[in-house]
Each structure stands twice: as C-alpha cells, then as structure tokens.
Amino acid sequence: MSDGTDINALLRARLPAGAPLQIPPPCLLDMQGEPVAYVEGESLAMRFPVLARYQNPIGHMQGGFIVAALDNTLGPFSYLIAPPSVTTSLNAQYMRPVTPDMPHITCHARLVQRTRNQLFLAGEVHDDAARVLVMCQAVCQILPQKAG
C-alpha cells in the first residue's frame, strides 16, 4: 500500500486471541486483491485485476466476481472496525460494465453507520478514470466476543 500500512498485520492484531482465521483468506489471495488506501475507521480501497477467467459470455467481468471483489474489500474493512463480524446483506447496483480492456478495478468500502450490533457499509467499484461502475450497500452483524 502506498502509505506503508500492512492491512493483514492490522487485521491479525484486531482479531480475538486464538481465533482460527486465515488472514488473508484464500478467496482474497485467489482474486489477487491488494490494498491501496486505508483511513482508520472510515474507509478501505482494494485493487483487483480484471482477469480473463472472470469473463461472462459477452466478455465483461461477470457480476458475481465483481461482488466477490467488493466483498473482499467490505469484509476486511468490517474486521478492521469490529472483529469479528459477518455480512448479513449485500445489495449491488451495476451501472457500467467491467470490460476486458480495464486492467483492474478498485473497490472502495466506507463506514456509513455503526450501531451496537451492526455495521452499515457502502461500497463502490471504480475504473482507472474514477468512473463508478458498481455501487453497493452492506450490513454486517457484529458477533459477540467469546469470554477468554
């Protein structure tokens, strides 16, 4: 990341002691996501390559892979805010296609509101020209911490 922040180290430090979690998870490794910007408690941006294996029949990035990239941004962000938490809903609106001429997409996660038990997050997918391609809203349930 450009500012030198190690997101994986931050995540490991915030997890409950002894939590049997793999950081980074295999799904993030498979999608080759890399953090590009993090603002403590406010936002996280991750970049993902647009790979040929993600194409739908007309050659655009398949919507499920776009949402997976968003989830691979929203999920770590939610853990940076309130570990552990799980996504309970994620709604996406596709505005422009992710085409094969785009080398990568950048997913942005932002905290909208935090309550005692939930996180309300917003996400966007941008291309290199900063155009919004996809928007989403997500709700994450904050899990109770187990007594040590």
C-alpha atoms as a PDB file:
ATOM      1  CA  MET A   1       0.000   0.000   0.000  1.00  0.00           C
ATOM      2  CA  SER A   2       1.251   3.457  -0.805  1.00  0.00           C
ATOM      3  CA  ASP A   3       1.233   4.683   2.804  1.00  0.00           C
ATOM      4  CA  GLY A   4       3.040   1.578   4.098  1.00  0.00           C
ATOM      5  CA  THR A   5       0.129   0.294   6.196  1.00  0.00           C
ATOM      6  CA  ASP A   6       0.116  -3.506   6.445  1.00  0.00           C
ATOM      7  CA  ILE A   7      -3.616  -4.333   6.419  1.00  0.00           C
ATOM      8  CA  ASN A   8      -3.004  -8.025   7.188  1.00  0.00           C
ATOM      9  CA  ALA A   9      -0.945  -7.137  10.276  1.00  0.00           C
ATOM     10  CA  LEU A  10      -3.698  -4.754  11.434  1.00  0.00           C
ATOM     11  CA  LEU A  11      -6.316  -7.469  10.910  1.00  0.00           C
ATOM     12  CA  ARG A  12      -4.321 -10.091  12.824  1.00  0.00           C
ATOM     13  CA  ALA A  13      -3.786  -7.648  15.701  1.00  0.00           C
ATOM     14  CA  ARG A  14      -7.521  -6.905  15.980  1.00  0.00           C
ATOM     15  CA  LEU A  15      -8.791 -10.478  15.916  1.00  0.00           C
ATOM     16  CA  PRO A  16      -9.782 -12.120  19.180  1.00  0.00           C
ATOM     17  CA  ALA A  17      -6.937 -14.117  20.711  1.00  0.00           C
ATOM     18  CA  GLY A  18      -6.796 -17.659  19.373  1.00  0.00           C
ATOM     19  CA  ALA A  19      -9.294 -17.019  16.563  1.00  0.00           C
ATOM     20  CA  PRO A  20      -8.721 -19.796  13.977  1.00  0.00           C
ATOM     21  CA  LEU A  21      -8.875 -17.484  10.978  1.00  0.00           C
ATOM     22  CA  GLN A  22      -6.666 -17.327   7.899  1.00  0.00           C
ATOM     23  CA  ILE A  23      -5.536 -13.784   7.121  1.00  0.00           C
ATOM     24  CA  PRO A  24      -5.570 -13.085   4.229  1.00  0.00           C
ATOM     25  CA  PRO A  25      -8.286 -15.607   3.292  1.00  0.00           C
ATOM     26  CA  PRO A  26      -7.912 -17.886   0.253  1.00  0.00           C
ATOM     27  CA  CYS A  27     -10.659 -16.039  -1.659  1.00  0.00           C
ATOM     28  CA  LEU A  28      -8.729 -12.767  -1.422  1.00  0.00           C
ATOM     29  CA  LEU A  29      -5.485 -14.455  -2.452  1.00  0.00           C
ATOM     30  CA  ASP A  30      -7.211 -16.104  -5.424  1.00  0.00           C
ATOM     31  CA  MET A  31      -8.589 -12.781  -6.646  1.00  0.00           C
ATOM     32  CA  GLN A  32      -5.145 -11.153  -6.195  1.00  0.00           C
ATOM     33  CA  GLY A  33      -6.545  -8.209  -4.248  1.00  0.00           C
ATOM     34  CA  GLU A  34      -4.150  -5.613  -2.909  1.00  0.00           C
ATOM     35  CA  PRO A  35      -4.891  -2.764  -0.507  1.00  0.00           C
ATOM     36  CA  VAL A  36      -4.270   0.696  -1.932  1.00  0.00           C
ATOM     37  CA  ALA A  37      -5.637   3.086   0.719  1.00  0.00           C
ATOM     38  CA  TYR A  38      -6.847   2.833   4.288  1.00  0.00           C
ATOM     39  CA  VAL A  39      -8.257   5.517   6.570  1.00  0.00           C
ATOM     40  CA  GLU A  40      -8.668   4.221  10.129  1.00  0.00           C
ATOM     41  CA  GLY A  41     -12.348   3.605  10.901  1.00  0.00           C
ATOM     42  CA  GLU A  42     -13.501   5.377   7.722  1.00  0.00           C
ATOM     43  CA  SER A  43     -12.582   3.577   4.504  1.00  0.00           C
ATOM     44  CA  LEU A  44     -10.562   0.915   2.694  1.00  0.00           C
ATOM     45  CA  ALA A  45      -9.731   0.674  -1.014  1.00  0.00           C
ATOM     46  CA  MET A  46      -8.532  -2.529  -2.692  1.00  0.00           C
ATOM     47  CA  ARG A  47      -7.406  -3.117  -6.282  1.00  0.00           C
ATOM     48  CA  PHE A  48      -8.244  -6.315  -8.204  1.00  0.00           C
ATOM     49  CA  PRO A  49      -7.024  -7.381 -11.648  1.00  0.00           C
ATOM     50  CA  VAL A  50      -9.645  -7.945 -14.344  1.00  0.00           C
ATOM     51  CA  LEU A  51      -8.756 -11.482 -15.426  1.00  0.00           C
ATOM     52  CA  ALA A  52      -9.995 -13.380 -18.483  1.00  0.00           C
ATOM     53  CA  ARG A  53     -11.248 -16.195 -16.247  1.00  0.00           C
ATOM     54  CA  TYR A  54     -13.791 -13.769 -14.732  1.00  0.00           C
ATOM     55  CA  GLN A  55     -15.463 -13.041 -18.090  1.00  0.00           C
ATOM     56  CA  ASN A  56     -19.108 -13.769 -18.830  1.00  0.00           C
ATOM     57  CA  PRO A  57     -20.193 -14.892 -22.339  1.00  0.00           C
ATOM     58  CA  ILE A  58     -20.050 -11.341 -23.769  1.00  0.00           C
ATOM     59  CA  GLY A  59     -16.555 -10.732 -22.406  1.00  0.00           C
ATOM     60  CA  HIS A  60     -17.384  -8.475 -19.445  1.00  0.00           C
ATOM     61  CA  MET A  61     -16.413  -9.276 -15.863  1.00  0.00           C
ATOM     62  CA  GLN A  62     -19.202 -11.471 -14.502  1.00  0.00           C
ATOM     63  CA  GLY A  63     -21.276  -9.714 -11.836  1.00  0.00           C
ATOM     64  CA  GLY A  64     -20.609 -12.357  -9.207  1.00  0.00           C
ATOM     65  CA  PHE A  65     -16.859 -11.762  -9.458  1.00  0.00           C
ATOM     66  CA  ILE A  66     -17.406  -8.019  -9.139  1.00  0.00           C
ATOM     67  CA  VAL A  67     -19.449  -8.605  -5.978  1.00  0.00           C
ATOM     68  CA  ALA A  68     -16.759 -11.019  -4.736  1.00  0.00           C
ATOM     69  CA  ALA A  69     -14.192  -8.224  -5.155  1.00  0.00           C
ATOM     70  CA  LEU A  70     -16.497  -5.872  -3.217  1.00  0.00           C
ATOM     71  CA  ASP A  71     -16.994  -8.498  -0.507  1.00  0.00           C
ATOM     72  CA  ASN A  72     -13.210  -8.999  -0.357  1.00  0.00           C
ATOM     73  CA  THR A  73     -12.986  -5.268   0.422  1.00  0.00           C
ATOM     74  CA  LEU A  74     -16.009  -4.856   2.706  1.00  0.00           C
ATOM     75  CA  GLY A  75     -15.148  -7.977   4.740  1.00  0.00           C
ATOM     76  CA  PRO A  76     -11.620  -6.965   5.764  1.00  0.00           C
ATOM     77  CA  PHE A  77     -12.847  -3.418   6.370  1.00  0.00           C
ATOM     78  CA  SER A  78     -15.579  -4.694   8.706  1.00  0.00           C
ATOM     79  CA  TYR A  79     -12.950  -6.699  10.626  1.00  0.00           C
ATOM     80  CA  LEU A  80     -10.796  -3.595  10.962  1.00  0.00           C
ATOM     81  CA  ILE A  81     -13.777  -1.835  12.571  1.00  0.00           C
ATOM     82  CA  ALA A  82     -15.431  -4.584  14.644  1.00  0.00           C
ATOM     83  CA  PRO A  83     -13.900  -8.065  14.640  1.00  0.00           C
ATOM     84  CA  PRO A  84     -15.449 -10.497  14.279  1.00  0.00           C
ATOM     85  CA  SER A  85     -18.413  -9.622  12.086  1.00  0.00           C
ATOM     86  CA  VAL A  86     -20.283 -11.287   9.230  1.00  0.00           C
ATOM     87  CA  THR A  87     -22.082  -9.902   6.200  1.00  0.00           C
ATOM     88  CA  THR A  88     -25.847 -10.313   6.532  1.00  0.00           C
ATOM     89  CA  SER A  89     -26.827  -8.470   3.366  1.00  0.00           C
ATOM     90  CA  LEU A  90     -25.112  -7.037   0.312  1.00  0.00           C
ATOM     91  CA  ASN A  91     -27.082  -5.316  -2.426  1.00  0.00           C
ATOM     92  CA  ALA A  92     -25.372  -4.236  -5.637  1.00  0.00           C
ATOM     93  CA  GLN A  93     -26.403  -1.917  -8.457  1.00  0.00           C
ATOM     94  CA  TYR A  94     -24.486  -2.334 -11.725  1.00  0.00           C
ATOM     95  CA  MET A  95     -24.088   0.947 -13.584  1.00  0.00           C
ATOM     96  CA  ARG A  96     -21.387   0.256 -16.207  1.00  0.00           C
ATOM     97  CA  PRO A  97     -19.741  -2.966 -17.362  1.00  0.00           C
ATOM     98  CA  VAL A  98     -16.246  -4.020 -16.350  1.00  0.00           C
ATOM     99  CA  THR A  99     -14.712  -4.622 -19.764  1.00  0.00           C
ATOM    100  CA  PRO A 100     -11.635  -6.665 -20.727  1.00  0.00           C
ATOM    101  CA  ASP A 101      -9.694  -3.508 -21.663  1.00  0.00           C
ATOM    102  CA  MET A 102      -9.693  -2.476 -17.980  1.00  0.00           C
ATOM    103  CA  PRO A 103      -6.510  -3.802 -16.344  1.00  0.00           C
ATOM    104  CA  HIS A 104      -8.042  -3.658 -12.864  1.00  0.00           C
ATOM    105  CA  ILE A 105     -10.889  -2.318 -10.762  1.00  0.00           C
ATOM    106  CA  THR A 106     -10.657  -0.535  -7.436  1.00  0.00           C
ATOM    107  CA  CYS A 107     -13.210  -1.305  -4.753  1.00  0.00           C
ATOM    108  CA  HIS A 108     -13.900   1.252  -2.044  1.00  0.00           C
ATOM    109  CA  ALA A 109     -15.577   0.422   1.292  1.00  0.00           C
ATOM    110  CA  ARG A 110     -16.849   3.166   3.580  1.00  0.00           C
ATOM    111  CA  LEU A 111     -18.487   3.135   7.006  1.00  0.00           C
ATOM    112  CA  VAL A 112     -21.929   4.747   6.908  1.00  0.00           C
ATOM    113  CA  GLN A 113     -23.066   3.973  10.463  1.00  0.00           C
ATOM    114  CA  ARG A 114     -22.192   1.726  13.372  1.00  0.00           C
ATOM    115  CA  THR A 115     -24.654   0.588  15.986  1.00  0.00           C
ATOM    116  CA  ARG A 116     -24.033  -1.690  18.948  1.00  0.00           C
ATOM    117  CA  ASN A 117     -24.645  -4.827  16.867  1.00  0.00           C
ATOM    118  CA  GLN A 118     -24.352  -3.799  13.216  1.00  0.00           C
ATOM    119  CA  LEU A 119     -22.192  -2.024  10.680  1.00  0.00           C
ATOM    120  CA  PHE A 120     -23.789  -0.261   7.727  1.00  0.00           C
ATOM    121  CA  LEU A 121     -21.308  -0.025   4.870  1.00  0.00           C
ATOM    122  CA  ALA A 122     -21.289   1.447   1.380  1.00  0.00           C
ATOM    123  CA  GLY A 123     -19.131   0.223  -1.469  1.00  0.00           C
ATOM    124  CA  GLU A 124     -18.205   1.359  -4.948  1.00  0.00           C
ATOM    125  CA  VAL A 125     -16.227  -0.097  -7.824  1.00  0.00           C
ATOM    126  CA  HIS A 126     -14.236   2.380  -9.933  1.00  0.00           C
ATOM    127  CA  ASP A 127     -12.215   2.107 -13.123  1.00  0.00           C
ATOM    128  CA  ASP A 128      -8.915   3.930 -13.752  1.00  0.00           C
ATOM    129  CA  ALA A 129     -10.830   7.032 -14.880  1.00  0.00           C
ATOM    130  CA  ALA A 130     -12.575   7.115 -11.455  1.00  0.00           C
ATOM    131  CA  ARG A 131     -15.950   6.306 -13.030  1.00  0.00           C
ATOM    132  CA  VAL A 132     -18.352   4.468 -10.739  1.00  0.00           C
ATOM    133  CA  LEU A 133     -19.117   1.055 -12.238  1.00  0.00           C
ATOM    134  CA  VAL A 134     -20.988  -0.589  -9.360  1.00  0.00           C
ATOM    135  CA  MET A 135     -22.455   0.657  -6.083  1.00  0.00           C
ATOM    136  CA  CYS A 136     -23.472  -1.446  -3.107  1.00  0.00           C
ATOM    137  CA  GLN A 137     -24.819  -1.301   0.403  1.00  0.00           C
ATOM    138  CA  ALA A 138     -23.961  -3.926   3.013  1.00  0.00           C
ATOM    139  CA  VAL A 139     -24.949  -4.731   6.564  1.00  0.00           C
ATOM    140  CA  CYS A 140     -22.603  -6.671   8.830  1.00  0.00           C
ATOM    141  CA  GLN A 141     -23.604  -8.273  12.122  1.00  0.00           C
ATOM    142  CA  ILE A 142     -21.049  -7.771  14.886  1.00  0.00           C
ATOM    143  CA  LEU A 143     -20.575 -11.150  16.572  1.00  0.00           C
ATOM    144  CA  PRO A 144     -20.369 -11.373  20.353  1.00  0.00           C
ATOM    145  CA  GLN A 145     -16.861 -11.859  21.693  1.00  0.00           C
ATOM    146  CA  LYS A 146     -16.314 -15.162  23.462  1.00  0.00           C
ATOM    147  CA  ALA A 147     -15.152 -14.876  27.043  1.00  0.00           C
ATOM    148  CA  GLY A 148     -11.465 -15.775  27.264  1.00  0.00           C
END
